[in-house]
N, C-alpha and C. Protein backbone atom coordinates (compact mmCIF):
# COMPACT_ATOMS: atom_id res chain seq x y z
N MET A 1 148.16 73.69 77.29
CA MET A 1 147.39 74.31 76.96
C MET A 1 145.76 73.59 77.47
N THR A 2 145.15 74.51 78.17
CA THR A 2 143.47 73.70 78.58
C THR A 2 142.82 74.41 77.78
N TYR A 3 141.62 73.53 77.17
CA TYR A 3 140.59 74.26 76.42
C TYR A 3 139.52 73.93 77.35
N PHE A 4 138.43 74.96 76.98
CA PHE A 4 137.47 75.03 77.70
C PHE A 4 135.83 75.13 76.92
N THR A 5 135.10 74.16 76.81
CA THR A 5 134.24 74.20 75.71
C THR A 5 132.82 74.19 76.67
N ASP A 6 131.81 75.27 76.90
CA ASP A 6 130.54 75.47 77.46
C ASP A 6 129.54 75.35 76.15
N THR A 7 128.92 74.13 76.55
CA THR A 7 127.55 74.26 75.89
C THR A 7 126.53 74.06 76.63
N ALA A 8 125.33 74.87 76.37
CA ALA A 8 124.46 75.02 77.09
C ALA A 8 123.41 74.18 76.39
N ALA A 9 122.55 73.35 76.57
CA ALA A 9 121.65 72.09 76.16
C ALA A 9 120.35 72.99 76.90
N ASN A 10 119.74 72.56 75.86
CA ASN A 10 118.76 73.47 75.70
C ASN A 10 117.61 72.08 76.65
N ALA A 11 116.83 72.46 77.80
CA ALA A 11 115.86 71.51 78.39
C ALA A 11 114.97 70.77 77.39
N THR A 12 114.63 69.79 77.56
CA THR A 12 113.84 68.80 76.60
C THR A 12 112.47 69.07 77.27
N LEU A 13 111.49 69.19 76.12
CA LEU A 13 110.20 69.19 76.84
C LEU A 13 109.84 68.28 78.31
N ILE A 14 110.02 67.00 78.46
CA ILE A 14 110.10 66.35 79.66
C ILE A 14 110.69 67.06 80.90
N GLU A 15 111.80 67.52 80.42
CA GLU A 15 112.45 68.51 81.60
C GLU A 15 111.93 69.61 82.09
N ARG A 16 111.30 70.35 81.04
CA ARG A 16 110.31 71.37 81.66
C ARG A 16 109.18 71.05 82.30
N LEU A 17 108.61 69.92 81.59
CA LEU A 17 106.94 69.45 82.03
C LEU A 17 107.40 68.99 83.77
N MET A 18 108.47 68.06 83.84
CA MET A 18 108.70 68.15 85.52
C MET A 18 109.35 69.28 86.40
N PHE A 19 109.98 69.94 85.84
CA PHE A 19 109.85 71.26 86.75
C PHE A 19 108.75 72.15 86.88
N THR A 20 108.00 71.85 86.04
CA THR A 20 106.59 72.60 86.10
C THR A 20 105.65 71.96 86.92
N VAL A 21 105.58 70.65 87.14
CA VAL A 21 104.69 69.64 87.82
C VAL A 21 105.93 70.03 89.07
N SER A 22 106.91 69.78 89.38
CA SER A 22 107.57 69.82 90.83
C SER A 22 107.16 71.26 91.23
N THR A 23 107.17 72.21 90.46
CA THR A 23 107.08 73.47 91.06
C THR A 23 105.60 73.46 91.28
N ALA A 24 104.81 73.30 90.66
CA ALA A 24 103.02 73.00 91.30
C ALA A 24 103.01 72.48 92.46
N PHE A 25 103.90 71.09 92.68
CA PHE A 25 103.36 70.54 93.62
C PHE A 25 104.21 70.97 95.22
N ALA A 26 105.58 71.84 94.85
CA ALA A 26 106.02 72.75 96.07
C ALA A 26 105.11 74.18 96.76
N ALA A 27 104.25 74.33 95.35
CA ALA A 27 103.12 75.58 95.76
C ALA A 27 102.32 75.07 96.41
N ALA A 28 101.88 73.86 96.24
CA ALA A 28 100.29 73.26 96.90
C ALA A 28 100.97 72.76 98.16
N ALA A 29 102.26 72.22 98.34
CA ALA A 29 102.54 72.03 99.88
C ALA A 29 102.74 73.35 100.69
N GLU A 30 103.03 74.26 100.03
CA GLU A 30 103.40 75.56 101.07
C GLU A 30 101.88 76.08 101.52
N ARG A 31 101.20 76.12 100.59
CA ARG A 31 99.74 76.40 100.66
C ARG A 31 98.95 75.65 101.70
N GLN A 32 99.26 74.29 101.56
CA GLN A 32 98.60 73.25 102.81
C GLN A 32 99.20 73.64 103.87
N ALA A 33 100.68 73.88 103.70
CA ALA A 33 101.23 74.29 105.33
C ALA A 33 100.78 75.72 105.80
N LYS A 34 100.56 76.57 105.11
CA LYS A 34 99.90 77.71 105.54
C LYS A 34 98.59 77.53 106.17
N ARG A 35 97.77 76.62 105.28
CA ARG A 35 96.19 76.26 105.75
C ARG A 35 96.12 76.07 107.12
N ARG A 36 97.46 74.81 107.35
CA ARG A 36 97.62 74.23 108.66
C ARG A 36 97.26 74.96 109.82
N VAL A 37 98.69 75.74 109.42
CA VAL A 37 98.95 77.00 110.56
C VAL A 37 97.34 77.87 110.92
N TYR A 38 96.79 78.32 109.91
CA TYR A 38 95.94 78.90 110.33
C TYR A 38 94.82 78.20 111.06
N LYS A 39 94.07 76.98 110.63
CA LYS A 39 93.32 76.26 111.29
C LYS A 39 93.95 75.82 112.46
N THR A 40 95.06 75.41 112.67
CA THR A 40 95.72 75.17 114.49
C THR A 40 95.48 76.86 115.12
N THR A 41 95.93 77.77 114.63
CA THR A 41 95.46 79.09 115.26
C THR A 41 94.11 79.37 115.83
N MET A 42 93.33 78.87 114.71
CA MET A 42 91.73 79.14 114.79
C MET A 42 91.05 78.54 116.13
N ASN A 43 91.60 77.10 115.85
CA ASN A 43 90.92 76.21 116.89
C ASN A 43 91.34 76.36 118.65
N GLU A 44 93.04 76.59 118.19
CA GLU A 44 93.34 76.85 119.74
C GLU A 44 93.21 78.31 120.15
N LEU A 45 92.80 79.21 119.52
CA LEU A 45 92.37 80.54 120.12
C LEU A 45 90.96 80.18 120.36
N GLY A 46 90.15 79.86 119.47
CA GLY A 46 88.47 79.54 119.51
C GLY A 46 88.43 78.42 120.69
N ALA A 47 89.26 77.99 121.22
CA ALA A 47 88.76 76.93 122.59
C ALA A 47 88.93 77.79 123.78
N LEU A 48 89.45 78.93 123.80
CA LEU A 48 90.00 79.92 124.52
C LEU A 48 88.65 80.50 125.19
N SER A 49 88.40 80.69 126.56
CA SER A 49 87.13 81.51 127.12
C SER A 49 87.21 82.96 126.80
N ASN A 50 86.21 83.81 126.50
CA ASN A 50 86.36 84.98 126.87
C ASN A 50 87.25 85.53 127.36
N ARG A 51 87.00 85.43 128.74
CA ARG A 51 88.12 85.40 129.85
C ARG A 51 89.58 85.23 129.70
N ASP A 52 89.91 84.19 129.19
CA ASP A 52 91.45 83.66 128.58
C ASP A 52 91.76 84.49 127.44
N LEU A 53 91.03 84.91 126.80
CA LEU A 53 90.90 85.92 125.51
C LEU A 53 91.47 87.09 125.95
N ALA A 54 90.49 87.67 126.96
CA ALA A 54 90.73 89.09 127.61
C ALA A 54 91.96 89.15 128.23
N ASP A 55 92.46 87.94 129.00
CA ASP A 55 93.67 88.37 129.89
C ASP A 55 94.92 88.22 128.62
N LEU A 56 94.54 87.93 127.51
CA LEU A 56 95.55 87.97 126.22
C LEU A 56 95.89 89.29 125.45
N GLY A 57 94.81 90.22 126.10
CA GLY A 57 94.23 91.37 125.33
C GLY A 57 93.89 90.73 123.93
N ILE A 58 93.26 89.90 123.79
CA ILE A 58 92.90 89.61 122.24
C ILE A 58 90.96 89.72 122.52
N SER A 59 90.31 90.35 121.77
CA SER A 59 88.85 90.34 121.44
C SER A 59 88.54 88.93 120.73
N ARG A 60 87.26 88.24 121.25
CA ARG A 60 86.61 87.24 120.59
C ARG A 60 86.61 87.67 118.82
N SER A 61 86.65 88.96 118.58
CA SER A 61 86.34 89.46 117.13
C SER A 61 87.54 89.34 116.83
N GLU A 62 88.78 89.49 117.04
CA GLU A 62 90.15 89.45 116.44
C GLU A 62 90.89 87.99 116.28
N VAL A 63 90.31 86.99 116.57
CA VAL A 63 90.83 85.67 116.92
C VAL A 63 91.13 85.25 115.13
N ARG A 64 90.07 85.51 114.20
CA ARG A 64 90.53 85.60 112.69
C ARG A 64 91.43 85.96 112.08
N ARG A 65 91.47 87.31 112.42
CA ARG A 65 92.60 88.32 112.04
C ARG A 65 94.13 87.47 112.42
N ILE A 66 94.07 87.32 113.52
CA ILE A 66 95.36 86.88 113.88
C ILE A 66 95.83 85.81 113.36
N ALA A 67 94.97 84.67 113.46
CA ALA A 67 95.37 83.35 112.55
C ALA A 67 95.57 83.49 111.34
N TRP A 68 95.24 84.64 110.60
CA TRP A 68 95.61 84.91 109.52
C TRP A 68 96.80 85.44 109.33
N GLU A 69 97.11 86.46 109.90
CA GLU A 69 98.43 87.05 110.45
C GLU A 69 99.15 85.83 110.45
N ALA A 70 98.92 85.01 111.41
CA ALA A 70 100.04 83.77 111.70
C ALA A 70 100.24 83.16 110.38
N ALA A 71 99.23 83.09 109.85
CA ALA A 71 99.83 81.94 108.49
C ALA A 71 100.13 82.91 107.42
N TYR A 72 99.23 83.66 107.13
CA TYR A 72 99.78 84.29 105.95
C TYR A 72 100.65 85.77 105.57
N ALA A 73 100.77 86.16 107.07
CA ALA A 73 101.77 87.84 106.72
C ALA A 73 103.04 87.35 106.77
N GLN A 74 103.54 88.15 105.88
CA GLN A 74 105.34 87.94 105.91
C GLN A 74 105.89 88.49 107.13
C-alpha cells in the first residue's frame, strides 16, 4: 500500500521578497525592450527622406504613431 502526503509549505518572507524583486526586474526588462524597439523604429523612419516615406505610403506625421504601434501595440 502506498501513502502520499501532500504538505504545502507556506512561502517564507525571503521567498516572497525574491519573487517580487524578480517580477520587478522582469517588468523593467520588458519595458526596456519595448522602449528600444520604439526608439529604433523612430530613428530608422526619421532618417528617411519625405520621398522615401511617401514611397512607403507613410506621412512624416505618422512616424511617431507607427513607432508606438511597433513597440507597444499587441
